[in-house]
Amino acid sequence: MLNRLSRPVALVVCALPVIALAAITAFAPLPFSVAQPGPTTNVLGASDGKPVIEISGAPTRDTKGQLRAVTILATGPDASIHLSDVLSDWFATDRAVMPKDAVYPAGDSTEEIERHNKDEMKGSQDAATEAALAYLGDQDKDIKVTLQLGDVGGPSAGLLFSLGIIDLLDGDGSGGELTGGRSIAGTGTIDAKGTVGAVGGVSMKVQAADRDGATVFLVPKAECSEAKASAPKSMRLIPVSTLDGTVTALTHLKKGSGAIPSC
């Protein structure tokens, strides 16, 4: 039939499937999530009117510095992301387009994802407490630590929880604050042995930390490059892989002497 049509008409007929496919792609939801810098919370302070870290059974110290846990805000698992959203956010410096299954477990419902994130947060809190008390050499069963961070889920505040517990109980080990009075932000999972693990959305988290006044950012060592690409020159990036190493780096930073790793 096409050989009976004029060339312009034939080209239009052949292009119709391509045009239809492009239209479907433009309006069909895509398997992506859009993330942006989220709120930060000082774990040495309060969240929703309650202390983030509550310790009983041992005296705690007053602190002036800050240890800011950072978050990202991502479109929900049920959100419809279209081609126009991807194109507009792809080149934005304060947005990140990520595969949805890199943000949320594939196939889970919103309720299941929320439950999963809460379970991960609870596990992270338990591990953070165990790692901090083990670092301090204090396994006193009379010490009780309660951690809460509002509606934040997931395990990425683990390192900051451990550091907060150490700062409140022991500071830098010689009478001063672990933070040295600075505003320090960071991210990283932690296990009961004090090993720091990588997290997602580091580039967005660095921006959140800078926005909220942090001058130092603790980043899992494996994610140094991503953090460095987004951090302002004024922010000091310290790569970390263990709780011991992180405390040592912060102590050296406070004293202004000793080796401090850098991204």
Protein backbone atom coordinates (compact mmCIF):
# COMPACT_ATOMS: atom_id res chain seq x y z
CA MET A 1 0.00 0.00 0.00
CA LEU A 2 2.85 2.37 0.88
CA ASN A 3 4.17 2.25 -2.72
CA ARG A 4 0.90 3.84 -3.84
CA LEU A 5 1.30 6.81 -1.48
CA SER A 6 3.29 9.93 -2.14
CA ARG A 7 6.63 10.12 -0.29
CA PRO A 8 5.49 12.79 2.25
CA VAL A 9 2.34 10.85 3.08
CA ALA A 10 4.30 7.59 3.39
CA LEU A 11 6.74 9.24 5.80
CA VAL A 12 3.86 10.47 7.94
CA VAL A 13 2.29 7.00 8.01
CA CYS A 14 5.61 5.41 9.03
CA ALA A 15 6.18 8.04 11.70
CA LEU A 16 2.83 7.52 13.38
CA PRO A 17 3.94 4.52 15.53
CA VAL A 18 7.01 6.48 16.65
CA ILE A 19 4.88 9.50 17.54
CA ALA A 20 2.43 7.29 19.42
CA LEU A 21 5.28 5.63 21.35
CA ALA A 22 6.74 9.03 22.25
CA ALA A 23 3.36 10.22 23.48
CA ILE A 24 2.91 7.12 25.62
CA THR A 25 6.42 7.55 27.08
CA ALA A 26 5.78 11.22 27.84
CA PHE A 27 2.63 10.54 29.84
CA ALA A 28 3.27 7.06 31.26
CA PRO A 29 4.66 6.80 34.82
CA LEU A 30 8.35 5.83 34.91
CA PRO A 31 10.19 3.67 37.51
CA PHE A 32 12.11 6.58 39.02
CA SER A 33 12.12 8.53 42.26
CA VAL A 34 13.20 12.17 42.66
CA ALA A 35 15.19 13.04 45.78
CA GLN A 36 16.16 16.36 47.31
CA PRO A 37 17.98 17.52 50.48
CA GLY A 38 15.86 16.82 53.55
CA PRO A 39 15.83 18.16 57.10
CA THR A 40 18.75 17.68 59.48
CA THR A 41 18.48 17.02 63.22
CA ASN A 42 20.99 17.61 65.98
CA VAL A 43 21.08 14.27 67.83
CA LEU A 44 22.44 16.11 70.88
CA GLY A 45 19.23 18.16 70.93
CA ALA A 46 15.52 17.48 70.57
CA SER A 47 13.13 16.27 67.89
CA ASP A 48 9.37 16.76 68.14
CA GLY A 49 9.88 18.23 71.60
CA LYS A 50 11.72 15.18 72.96
CA PRO A 51 15.47 14.56 73.40
CA VAL A 52 16.81 12.51 70.50
CA ILE A 53 19.07 10.66 72.95
CA GLU A 54 17.86 9.93 76.48
CA ILE A 55 20.25 8.22 78.88
CA SER A 56 19.45 6.97 82.35
CA GLY A 57 21.65 5.13 84.84
CA ALA A 58 24.71 7.33 84.23
CA PRO A 59 25.49 11.07 84.40
CA THR A 60 25.48 12.95 81.10
CA ARG A 61 27.41 16.01 80.00
CA ASP A 62 26.17 19.36 78.73
CA THR A 63 27.06 19.99 75.09
CA LYS A 64 27.23 23.12 72.97
CA GLY A 65 28.28 21.60 69.67
CA GLN A 66 26.02 19.79 67.23
CA LEU A 67 25.98 16.36 65.63
CA ARG A 68 23.48 16.68 62.79
CA ALA A 69 21.91 13.56 61.28
CA VAL A 70 21.00 14.31 57.66
CA THR A 71 18.19 13.01 55.49
CA ILE A 72 16.86 13.15 51.97
CA LEU A 73 13.27 13.63 50.85
CA ALA A 74 12.21 11.32 48.04
CA THR A 75 8.96 11.04 46.13
CA GLY A 76 6.83 8.27 47.58
CA PRO A 77 6.72 4.73 46.22
CA ASP A 78 3.27 5.38 44.75
CA ALA A 79 4.16 8.73 43.16
CA SER A 80 3.86 8.99 39.38
CA ILE A 81 7.08 10.27 37.83
CA HIS A 82 6.84 11.19 34.15
CA LEU A 83 9.36 11.98 31.45
CA SER A 84 8.89 15.72 31.98
CA ASP A 85 9.79 15.32 35.67
CA VAL A 86 12.92 13.34 34.83
CA LEU A 87 14.06 15.85 32.22
CA SER A 88 13.48 18.88 34.47
CA ASP A 89 15.22 17.34 37.51
CA TRP A 90 18.05 15.50 35.74
CA PHE A 91 20.30 18.55 35.50
CA ALA A 92 19.19 20.25 38.74
CA THR A 93 21.96 20.49 41.33
CA ASP A 94 19.51 20.18 44.22
CA ARG A 95 17.65 17.17 42.82
CA ALA A 96 18.63 13.61 42.04
CA VAL A 97 16.76 11.20 39.79
CA MET A 98 17.25 7.62 40.96
CA PRO A 99 15.77 4.25 40.01
CA LYS A 100 12.80 3.63 42.30
CA ASP A 101 14.13 0.23 43.36
CA ALA A 102 17.32 1.96 44.58
CA VAL A 103 15.17 3.93 47.03
CA TYR A 104 12.40 1.47 47.86
CA PRO A 105 12.32 -2.35 47.98
CA ALA A 106 10.83 -3.60 44.71
CA GLY A 107 7.30 -4.95 44.88
CA ASP A 108 6.52 -3.81 48.43
CA SER A 109 3.45 -1.77 49.29
CA THR A 110 3.72 1.65 50.94
CA GLU A 111 2.74 0.13 54.29
CA GLU A 112 5.34 -2.63 53.96
CA ILE A 113 8.04 -0.10 53.03
CA GLU A 114 7.20 2.09 56.04
CA ARG A 115 7.31 -0.93 58.32
CA HIS A 116 10.63 -2.02 56.78
CA ASN A 117 12.16 1.44 57.32
CA LYS A 118 10.99 1.51 60.95
CA ASP A 119 12.47 -1.94 61.53
CA GLU A 120 15.77 -0.81 60.00
CA MET A 121 15.79 2.29 62.22
CA LYS A 122 15.15 0.18 65.33
CA GLY A 123 17.95 -2.22 64.39
CA SER A 124 20.25 0.74 63.71
CA GLN A 125 19.47 2.28 67.10
CA ASP A 126 20.20 -0.98 68.92
CA ALA A 127 23.48 -1.43 67.06
CA ALA A 128 24.47 2.21 67.64
CA THR A 129 23.91 1.88 71.38
CA GLU A 130 25.83 -1.39 71.59
CA ALA A 131 28.73 0.01 69.54
CA ALA A 132 28.94 3.20 71.64
CA LEU A 133 28.90 1.41 74.98
CA ALA A 134 31.44 -1.12 73.73
CA TYR A 135 33.70 1.73 72.62
CA LEU A 136 33.46 3.26 76.08
CA GLY A 137 34.11 -0.13 77.67
CA ASP A 138 30.89 0.26 79.61
CA GLN A 139 28.49 -2.65 79.53
CA ASP A 140 26.73 -1.57 82.74
CA LYS A 141 23.22 -2.99 82.54
CA ASP A 142 21.93 -0.05 84.58
CA ILE A 143 22.62 2.30 81.65
CA LYS A 144 19.56 2.64 79.47
CA VAL A 145 19.63 4.52 76.17
CA THR A 146 16.48 5.56 74.32
CA LEU A 147 16.76 6.98 70.81
CA GLN A 148 14.11 8.65 68.68
CA LEU A 149 14.22 10.73 65.53
CA GLY A 150 10.62 11.58 64.68
CA ASP A 151 9.32 9.97 61.50
CA VAL A 152 12.77 9.31 60.04
CA GLY A 153 13.30 5.69 59.00
CA GLY A 154 16.18 3.58 57.77
CA PRO A 155 19.64 2.88 59.20
CA SER A 156 21.68 5.86 57.98
CA ALA A 157 21.72 7.76 61.31
CA GLY A 158 23.51 4.92 63.09
CA LEU A 159 26.96 6.54 63.18
CA LEU A 160 25.57 9.85 64.49
CA PHE A 161 23.61 8.05 67.23
CA SER A 162 26.78 6.32 68.43
CA LEU A 163 28.76 9.56 68.41
CA GLY A 164 25.98 11.34 70.30
CA ILE A 165 25.94 8.70 73.03
CA ILE A 166 29.72 8.91 73.38
CA ASP A 167 29.67 12.71 73.52
CA LEU A 168 26.94 12.77 76.18
CA LEU A 169 28.64 10.15 78.37
CA ASP A 170 32.34 10.80 77.85
CA GLY A 171 32.93 13.69 75.44
CA ASP A 172 36.44 13.63 74.03
CA GLY A 173 37.65 11.51 76.93
CA SER A 174 39.53 14.34 78.61
CA GLY A 175 36.81 16.67 79.82
CA GLY A 176 35.85 18.39 76.56
CA GLU A 177 33.20 18.00 73.91
CA LEU A 178 33.75 15.49 71.13
CA THR A 179 32.49 18.09 68.65
CA GLY A 180 34.80 20.83 69.93
CA GLY A 181 31.75 23.11 69.82
CA ARG A 182 31.44 22.75 66.04
CA SER A 183 28.39 21.92 63.97
CA ILE A 184 29.26 18.51 62.55
CA ALA A 185 26.99 16.57 60.21
CA GLY A 186 27.34 13.08 58.86
CA THR A 187 25.79 9.87 57.69
CA GLY A 188 26.56 6.17 57.77
CA THR A 189 25.16 2.91 59.02
CA ILE A 190 26.84 1.19 61.93
CA ASP A 191 26.90 -2.34 63.27
CA ALA A 192 27.41 -3.51 66.85
CA LYS A 193 31.16 -3.87 66.23
CA GLY A 194 31.46 -0.24 65.17
CA THR A 195 31.88 -0.74 61.43
CA VAL A 196 30.53 2.16 59.37
CA GLY A 197 28.64 1.33 56.18
CA ALA A 198 27.70 3.27 53.05
CA VAL A 199 24.31 4.89 52.53
CA GLY A 200 22.41 6.43 49.62
CA GLY A 201 21.84 10.03 48.62
CA VAL A 202 25.16 11.40 49.92
CA SER A 203 25.25 14.28 47.44
CA MET A 204 21.84 15.49 48.67
CA LYS A 205 22.82 14.99 52.31
CA VAL A 206 25.94 17.13 51.93
CA GLN A 207 23.78 19.93 50.55
CA ALA A 208 21.36 19.59 53.48
CA ALA A 209 24.26 19.79 55.94
CA ASP A 210 25.66 22.91 54.29
CA ARG A 211 22.22 24.55 54.22
CA ASP A 212 21.85 24.00 57.97
CA GLY A 213 25.26 25.38 58.90
CA ALA A 214 27.49 22.32 59.32
CA THR A 215 31.18 22.93 58.61
CA VAL A 216 32.34 19.29 58.87
CA PHE A 217 30.77 16.26 57.21
CA LEU A 218 31.49 12.64 58.16
CA VAL A 219 31.06 10.45 55.09
CA PRO A 220 31.46 6.69 54.62
CA LYS A 221 34.83 6.22 52.94
CA ALA A 222 33.40 4.49 49.87
CA GLU A 223 31.26 7.57 49.11
CA CYS A 224 33.97 10.24 49.28
CA SER A 225 33.88 11.00 45.56
CA GLU A 226 30.12 11.55 45.53
CA ALA A 227 30.31 13.82 48.58
CA LYS A 228 33.22 15.80 47.17
CA ALA A 229 31.34 16.50 43.94
CA SER A 230 28.55 18.26 45.85
CA ALA A 231 30.25 19.78 48.89
CA PRO A 232 31.24 23.46 48.97
CA LYS A 233 34.94 24.20 49.39
CA SER A 234 34.24 25.55 52.86
CA MET A 235 33.04 22.15 54.13
CA ARG A 236 35.59 19.70 55.50
CA LEU A 237 34.89 16.11 54.43
CA ILE A 238 36.21 13.37 56.70
CA PRO A 239 35.99 9.80 55.36
CA VAL A 240 35.18 7.21 58.03
CA SER A 241 35.01 3.44 58.18
CA THR A 242 34.92 2.62 61.92
CA LEU A 243 33.56 4.24 65.07
CA ASP A 244 37.03 4.19 66.66
CA GLY A 245 38.53 5.95 63.67
CA THR A 246 35.74 8.54 63.61
CA VAL A 247 36.20 9.43 67.29
CA THR A 248 39.96 9.67 66.78
CA ALA A 249 39.53 12.00 63.79
CA LEU A 250 37.13 14.25 65.72
CA THR A 251 39.48 14.33 68.72
CA HIS A 252 42.39 15.35 66.48
CA LEU A 253 40.21 17.97 64.81
CA LYS A 254 39.27 19.43 68.20
CA LYS A 255 42.87 19.54 69.39
CA GLY A 256 44.18 20.83 66.07
CA SER A 257 46.86 18.12 65.96
CA GLY A 258 47.23 14.59 64.71
CA ALA A 259 46.34 12.98 61.40
CA ILE A 260 42.86 13.66 60.04
CA PRO A 261 41.80 11.81 56.87
CA SER A 262 40.33 13.80 54.01
CA CYS A 263 38.36 13.03 50.87
